[in-house]
Amino acid sequence: MRSSSTRDKHYLKCSNRHIAQNACIGSFISVDKLEQLVLLELNRLADKYLDKEQIKHNIKFHSDLQKQKSNLLSDMAVYEKKAAEYSNGIRELYTDKVKGLISERDYIEISKNFNTERNRLERVIAEMEKQLSGIEEKIATGNNHSELIEQYISLKHLTLEIVEILVDYIFIGKRISGTRNVHVEIHWNF
């Protein structure tokens, strides 16, 4: 079928319509109506074949997120302490250089190594903060288990991905005489 639009509404119509009069059975349907028919059938099948309470019970969400968060915070504290030690070491190294306890060359070499290691630790800490943010987001989202599952069991909108995975093809027939309804057959991939 070919897509067309009129007054901001999208329609699908037979692409053979203009080739020959007998080449097309007169198939024509709005995209919104087709989407609603597919959603209605998907939700009907889900209600018929899926035990929603059993699904909610069987799905295991990350129960160890609090433990992961605690471990990450502990590791971050260790790395932050080491980074602070390197900063203090650089300051003390400078003091030793000023007092003449170490040479200029030794100061440059040691401070360069301290700076490199401190910068590496700061990058690791920044990455850990991103991980922590992700864990906290999962914890916040995880509190809505029922809502999250319901969102995927009772669909409200179709996406291209859903259609490509679930629908093999859809046959759209001619409008049923005397009505505005169109004969639609959905052939699933399952």
C-alpha atoms as a PDB file:
ATOM      1  CA  MET A   1       0.000   0.000   0.000  1.00  0.00           C
ATOM      2  CA  ARG A   2       1.048   3.572  -0.571  1.00  0.00           C
ATOM      3  CA  SER A   3       1.007   6.309   2.038  1.00  0.00           C
ATOM      4  CA  SER A   4      -0.809   9.572   1.389  1.00  0.00           C
ATOM      5  CA  SER A   5      -1.983  12.476   3.504  1.00  0.00           C
ATOM      6  CA  THR A   6      -4.921  14.844   3.470  1.00  0.00           C
ATOM      7  CA  ARG A   7      -5.499  17.625   5.985  1.00  0.00           C
ATOM      8  CA  ASP A   8      -2.787  16.349   8.346  1.00  0.00           C
ATOM      9  CA  LYS A   9      -4.262  12.818   8.341  1.00  0.00           C
ATOM     10  CA  HIS A  10      -2.302   9.910   6.940  1.00  0.00           C
ATOM     11  CA  TYR A  11      -3.884   7.152   4.891  1.00  0.00           C
ATOM     12  CA  LEU A  12      -2.831   3.931   3.234  1.00  0.00           C
ATOM     13  CA  LYS A  13      -4.278   3.091  -0.176  1.00  0.00           C
ATOM     14  CA  CYS A  14      -3.686   0.449  -2.780  1.00  0.00           C
ATOM     15  CA  SER A  15      -0.643   1.275  -4.897  1.00  0.00           C
ATOM     16  CA  ASN A  16      -2.166  -0.466  -7.945  1.00  0.00           C
ATOM     17  CA  ARG A  17      -5.211   1.814  -7.942  1.00  0.00           C
ATOM     18  CA  HIS A  18      -3.962   3.988 -10.799  1.00  0.00           C
ATOM     19  CA  ILE A  19      -2.536   1.155 -12.942  1.00  0.00           C
ATOM     20  CA  ALA A  20      -5.769  -0.554 -13.954  1.00  0.00           C
ATOM     21  CA  GLN A  21      -9.334  -0.511 -12.738  1.00  0.00           C
ATOM     22  CA  ASN A  22      -9.365  -4.253 -11.997  1.00  0.00           C
ATOM     23  CA  ALA A  23      -5.875  -4.259 -10.383  1.00  0.00           C
ATOM     24  CA  CYS A  24      -7.113  -2.941  -7.038  1.00  0.00           C
ATOM     25  CA  ILE A  25      -9.940  -4.111  -4.819  1.00  0.00           C
ATOM     26  CA  GLY A  26     -10.286  -0.599  -3.387  1.00  0.00           C
ATOM     27  CA  SER A  27      -8.295  -0.992  -0.173  1.00  0.00           C
ATOM     28  CA  PHE A  28      -8.103   2.245   1.801  1.00  0.00           C
ATOM     29  CA  ILE A  29      -7.625   2.891   5.552  1.00  0.00           C
ATOM     30  CA  SER A  30      -6.368   5.664   7.809  1.00  0.00           C
ATOM     31  CA  VAL A  31      -3.073   4.979   9.565  1.00  0.00           C
ATOM     32  CA  ASP A  32      -4.650   5.919  12.922  1.00  0.00           C
ATOM     33  CA  LYS A  33      -7.497   3.425  12.445  1.00  0.00           C
ATOM     34  CA  LEU A  34      -5.064   0.673  11.426  1.00  0.00           C
ATOM     35  CA  GLU A  35      -2.853   1.391  14.455  1.00  0.00           C
ATOM     36  CA  GLN A  36      -5.872   1.237  16.765  1.00  0.00           C
ATOM     37  CA  LEU A  37      -6.985  -2.088  15.254  1.00  0.00           C
ATOM     38  CA  VAL A  38      -3.504  -3.597  15.724  1.00  0.00           C
ATOM     39  CA  LEU A  39      -3.263  -2.280  19.310  1.00  0.00           C
ATOM     40  CA  LEU A  40      -6.733  -3.574  20.112  1.00  0.00           C
ATOM     41  CA  GLU A  41      -5.833  -7.038  18.829  1.00  0.00           C
ATOM     42  CA  LEU A  42      -2.437  -7.070  20.619  1.00  0.00           C
ATOM     43  CA  ASN A  43      -4.033  -6.074  23.916  1.00  0.00           C
ATOM     44  CA  ARG A  44      -6.842  -8.638  23.407  1.00  0.00           C
ATOM     45  CA  LEU A  45      -4.245 -11.381  22.862  1.00  0.00           C
ATOM     46  CA  ALA A  46      -2.262 -10.223  25.909  1.00  0.00           C
ATOM     47  CA  ASP A  47      -5.390 -10.301  28.093  1.00  0.00           C
ATOM     48  CA  LYS A  48      -6.303 -13.745  26.803  1.00  0.00           C
ATOM     49  CA  TYR A  49      -2.916 -15.470  26.980  1.00  0.00           C
ATOM     50  CA  LEU A  50      -0.821 -13.632  29.559  1.00  0.00           C
ATOM     51  CA  ASP A  51      -1.192 -13.949  33.311  1.00  0.00           C
ATOM     52  CA  LYS A  52      -0.141 -10.454  34.327  1.00  0.00           C
ATOM     53  CA  GLU A  53       0.131 -11.213  38.031  1.00  0.00           C
ATOM     54  CA  GLN A  54       2.325 -14.248  37.339  1.00  0.00           C
ATOM     55  CA  ILE A  55       4.564 -12.125  35.095  1.00  0.00           C
ATOM     56  CA  LYS A  56       4.916  -9.470  37.786  1.00  0.00           C
ATOM     57  CA  HIS A  57       5.771 -12.168  40.306  1.00  0.00           C
ATOM     58  CA  ASN A  58       8.298 -13.960  38.067  1.00  0.00           C
ATOM     59  CA  ILE A  59      10.269 -10.965  36.827  1.00  0.00           C
ATOM     60  CA  LYS A  60      13.336 -10.424  38.971  1.00  0.00           C
ATOM     61  CA  PHE A  61      14.350  -6.809  39.247  1.00  0.00           C
ATOM     62  CA  HIS A  62      17.784  -5.813  40.462  1.00  0.00           C
ATOM     63  CA  SER A  63      17.420  -6.397  44.172  1.00  0.00           C
ATOM     64  CA  ASP A  64      21.095  -5.824  44.782  1.00  0.00           C
ATOM     65  CA  LEU A  65      21.116  -2.211  43.577  1.00  0.00           C
ATOM     66  CA  GLN A  66      21.481  -0.887  47.132  1.00  0.00           C
ATOM     67  CA  LYS A  67      24.457  -3.189  47.645  1.00  0.00           C
ATOM     68  CA  GLN A  68      26.006  -2.020  44.346  1.00  0.00           C
ATOM     69  CA  LYS A  69      25.463   1.595  45.409  1.00  0.00           C
ATOM     70  CA  SER A  70      27.060   0.957  48.818  1.00  0.00           C
ATOM     71  CA  ASN A  71      30.082  -0.778  47.245  1.00  0.00           C
ATOM     72  CA  LEU A  72      30.499   2.000  44.697  1.00  0.00           C
ATOM     73  CA  LEU A  73      30.343   4.707  47.393  1.00  0.00           C
ATOM     74  CA  SER A  74      32.923   2.797  49.439  1.00  0.00           C
ATOM     75  CA  ASP A  75      35.257   2.465  46.436  1.00  0.00           C
ATOM     76  CA  MET A  76      34.795   6.146  45.586  1.00  0.00           C
ATOM     77  CA  ALA A  77      35.786   7.144  49.117  1.00  0.00           C
ATOM     78  CA  VAL A  78      39.007   5.111  48.793  1.00  0.00           C
ATOM     79  CA  TYR A  79      39.875   6.717  45.441  1.00  0.00           C
ATOM     80  CA  GLU A  80      39.030  10.215  46.709  1.00  0.00           C
ATOM     81  CA  LYS A  81      41.310   9.657  49.719  1.00  0.00           C
ATOM     82  CA  LYS A  82      44.154   8.514  47.413  1.00  0.00           C
ATOM     83  CA  ALA A  83      43.642  11.543  45.124  1.00  0.00           C
ATOM     84  CA  ALA A  84      43.794  13.831  48.182  1.00  0.00           C
ATOM     85  CA  GLU A  85      47.001  12.093  49.298  1.00  0.00           C
ATOM     86  CA  TYR A  86      48.580  12.769  45.901  1.00  0.00           C
ATOM     87  CA  SER A  87      47.560  16.450  46.152  1.00  0.00           C
ATOM     88  CA  ASN A  88      49.095  16.658  49.625  1.00  0.00           C
ATOM     89  CA  GLY A  89      52.192  14.849  48.340  1.00  0.00           C
ATOM     90  CA  ILE A  90      52.627  17.466  45.594  1.00  0.00           C
ATOM     91  CA  ARG A  91      52.389  20.280  48.170  1.00  0.00           C
ATOM     92  CA  GLU A  92      54.870  18.581  50.511  1.00  0.00           C
ATOM     93  CA  LEU A  93      57.176  17.850  47.589  1.00  0.00           C
ATOM     94  CA  TYR A  94      57.202  21.535  46.704  1.00  0.00           C
ATOM     95  CA  THR A  95      58.052  22.391  50.312  1.00  0.00           C
ATOM     96  CA  ASP A  96      60.949  19.894  50.240  1.00  0.00           C
ATOM     97  CA  LYS A  97      62.202  21.468  46.998  1.00  0.00           C
ATOM     98  CA  VAL A  98      62.059  24.967  48.487  1.00  0.00           C
ATOM     99  CA  LYS A  99      63.956  23.787  51.571  1.00  0.00           C
ATOM    100  CA  GLY A 100      66.548  22.239  49.289  1.00  0.00           C
ATOM    101  CA  LEU A 101      65.882  18.675  50.458  1.00  0.00           C
ATOM    102  CA  ILE A 102      65.378  17.438  46.859  1.00  0.00           C
ATOM    103  CA  SER A 103      66.799  18.592  43.555  1.00  0.00           C
ATOM    104  CA  GLU A 104      64.880  20.432  40.818  1.00  0.00           C
ATOM    105  CA  ARG A 105      65.085  17.408  38.532  1.00  0.00           C
ATOM    106  CA  ASP A 106      63.770  15.031  41.200  1.00  0.00           C
ATOM    107  CA  TYR A 107      60.967  17.469  42.015  1.00  0.00           C
ATOM    108  CA  ILE A 108      59.853  17.667  38.353  1.00  0.00           C
ATOM    109  CA  GLU A 109      59.953  13.896  37.874  1.00  0.00           C
ATOM    110  CA  ILE A 110      58.146  13.029  41.115  1.00  0.00           C
ATOM    111  CA  SER A 111      55.527  15.784  40.793  1.00  0.00           C
ATOM    112  CA  LYS A 112      54.845  14.726  37.200  1.00  0.00           C
ATOM    113  CA  ASN A 113      54.188  11.155  38.392  1.00  0.00           C
ATOM    114  CA  PHE A 114      51.977  12.398  41.254  1.00  0.00           C
ATOM    115  CA  ASN A 115      49.968  14.627  38.878  1.00  0.00           C
ATOM    116  CA  THR A 116      49.505  11.801  36.383  1.00  0.00           C
ATOM    117  CA  GLU A 117      48.268   9.431  39.059  1.00  0.00           C
ATOM    118  CA  ARG A 118      45.972  12.052  40.653  1.00  0.00           C
ATOM    119  CA  ASN A 119      44.442  12.869  37.247  1.00  0.00           C
ATOM    120  CA  ARG A 120      43.869   9.162  36.569  1.00  0.00           C
ATOM    121  CA  LEU A 121      42.128   8.777  39.910  1.00  0.00           C
ATOM    122  CA  GLU A 122      39.950  11.823  39.231  1.00  0.00           C
ATOM    123  CA  ARG A 123      38.848  10.285  35.892  1.00  0.00           C
ATOM    124  CA  VAL A 124      38.025   7.022  37.672  1.00  0.00           C
ATOM    125  CA  ILE A 125      36.011   8.932  40.288  1.00  0.00           C
ATOM    126  CA  ALA A 126      34.106  10.807  37.551  1.00  0.00           C
ATOM    127  CA  GLU A 127      33.244   7.499  35.848  1.00  0.00           C
ATOM    128  CA  MET A 128      32.105   6.066  39.187  1.00  0.00           C
ATOM    129  CA  GLU A 129      29.858   9.094  39.708  1.00  0.00           C
ATOM    130  CA  LYS A 130      28.189   8.336  36.346  1.00  0.00           C
ATOM    131  CA  GLN A 131      27.689   4.721  37.427  1.00  0.00           C
ATOM    132  CA  LEU A 132      26.243   5.904  40.740  1.00  0.00           C
ATOM    133  CA  SER A 133      23.820   8.185  38.927  1.00  0.00           C
ATOM    134  CA  GLY A 134      22.693   5.243  36.759  1.00  0.00           C
ATOM    135  CA  ILE A 135      22.186   3.026  39.800  1.00  0.00           C
ATOM    136  CA  GLU A 136      20.188   5.722  41.595  1.00  0.00           C
ATOM    137  CA  GLU A 137      18.010   6.125  38.481  1.00  0.00           C
ATOM    138  CA  LYS A 138      17.410   2.358  38.381  1.00  0.00           C
ATOM    139  CA  ILE A 139      16.507   2.378  42.055  1.00  0.00           C
ATOM    140  CA  ALA A 140      14.000   5.190  41.503  1.00  0.00           C
ATOM    141  CA  THR A 141      12.510   3.442  38.452  1.00  0.00           C
ATOM    142  CA  GLY A 142      12.518   0.059  40.129  1.00  0.00           C
ATOM    143  CA  ASN A 143      10.032   1.240  42.724  1.00  0.00           C
ATOM    144  CA  ASN A 144       7.385   1.261  39.992  1.00  0.00           C
ATOM    145  CA  HIS A 145       7.608  -2.445  39.042  1.00  0.00           C
ATOM    146  CA  SER A 146       3.900  -2.845  38.384  1.00  0.00           C
ATOM    147  CA  GLU A 147       3.682   0.312  36.295  1.00  0.00           C
ATOM    148  CA  LEU A 148       6.761  -0.675  34.305  1.00  0.00           C
ATOM    149  CA  ILE A 149       5.407  -4.144  33.511  1.00  0.00           C
ATOM    150  CA  GLU A 150       1.935  -2.773  32.726  1.00  0.00           C
ATOM    151  CA  GLN A 151       3.479  -0.347  30.237  1.00  0.00           C
ATOM    152  CA  TYR A 152       4.753  -3.277  28.163  1.00  0.00           C
ATOM    153  CA  ILE A 153       1.787  -5.599  28.630  1.00  0.00           C
ATOM    154  CA  SER A 154      -0.959  -3.072  27.843  1.00  0.00           C
ATOM    155  CA  LEU A 155       0.339  -1.110  24.880  1.00  0.00           C
ATOM    156  CA  LYS A 156      -0.992   2.384  24.227  1.00  0.00           C
ATOM    157  CA  HIS A 157       1.088   3.222  21.130  1.00  0.00           C
ATOM    158  CA  LEU A 158       2.776   1.249  18.401  1.00  0.00           C
ATOM    159  CA  THR A 159       6.389   1.755  17.538  1.00  0.00           C
ATOM    160  CA  LEU A 160       8.146   0.663  14.382  1.00  0.00           C
ATOM    161  CA  GLU A 161      10.161  -1.820  16.446  1.00  0.00           C
ATOM    162  CA  ILE A 162       7.010  -3.456  17.869  1.00  0.00           C
ATOM    163  CA  VAL A 163       5.457  -3.732  14.410  1.00  0.00           C
ATOM    164  CA  GLU A 164       8.611  -5.205  12.846  1.00  0.00           C
ATOM    165  CA  ILE A 165       8.968  -7.802  15.603  1.00  0.00           C
ATOM    166  CA  LEU A 166       5.335  -8.870  16.003  1.00  0.00           C
ATOM    167  CA  VAL A 167       3.612  -8.330  12.653  1.00  0.00           C
ATOM    168  CA  ASP A 168       4.390 -10.440   9.585  1.00  0.00           C
ATOM    169  CA  TYR A 169       1.931  -8.663   7.292  1.00  0.00           C
ATOM    170  CA  ILE A 170      -1.518  -7.105   7.331  1.00  0.00           C
ATOM    171  CA  PHE A 171      -4.160  -7.725   4.682  1.00  0.00           C
ATOM    172  CA  ILE A 172      -6.495  -4.781   4.177  1.00  0.00           C
ATOM    173  CA  GLY A 173      -9.603  -5.519   2.172  1.00  0.00           C
ATOM    174  CA  LYS A 174     -12.346  -3.453   0.634  1.00  0.00           C
ATOM    175  CA  ARG A 175     -14.710  -1.440   2.801  1.00  0.00           C
ATOM    176  CA  ILE A 176     -17.665  -3.489   4.010  1.00  0.00           C
ATOM    177  CA  SER A 177     -20.680  -2.204   2.105  1.00  0.00           C
ATOM    178  CA  GLY A 178     -23.095  -0.120   4.124  1.00  0.00           C
ATOM    179  CA  THR A 179     -20.485   0.633   6.819  1.00  0.00           C
ATOM    180  CA  ARG A 180     -17.289   2.603   7.219  1.00  0.00           C
ATOM    181  CA  ASN A 181     -15.456  -0.499   8.427  1.00  0.00           C
ATOM    182  CA  VAL A 182     -12.671  -2.155   6.476  1.00  0.00           C
ATOM    183  CA  HIS A 183     -11.860  -5.883   6.550  1.00  0.00           C
ATOM    184  CA  VAL A 184      -8.415  -6.254   8.195  1.00  0.00           C
ATOM    185  CA  GLU A 185      -6.459  -9.479   8.740  1.00  0.00           C
ATOM    186  CA  ILE A 186      -3.347  -9.310  10.909  1.00  0.00           C
ATOM    187  CA  HIS A 187      -0.788 -12.074  10.376  1.00  0.00           C
ATOM    188  CA  TRP A 188       1.574 -12.323  13.340  1.00  0.00           C
ATOM    189  CA  ASN A 189       5.171 -13.486  13.489  1.00  0.00           C
ATOM    190  CA  PHE A 190       4.354 -15.861  16.343  1.00  0.00           C
END
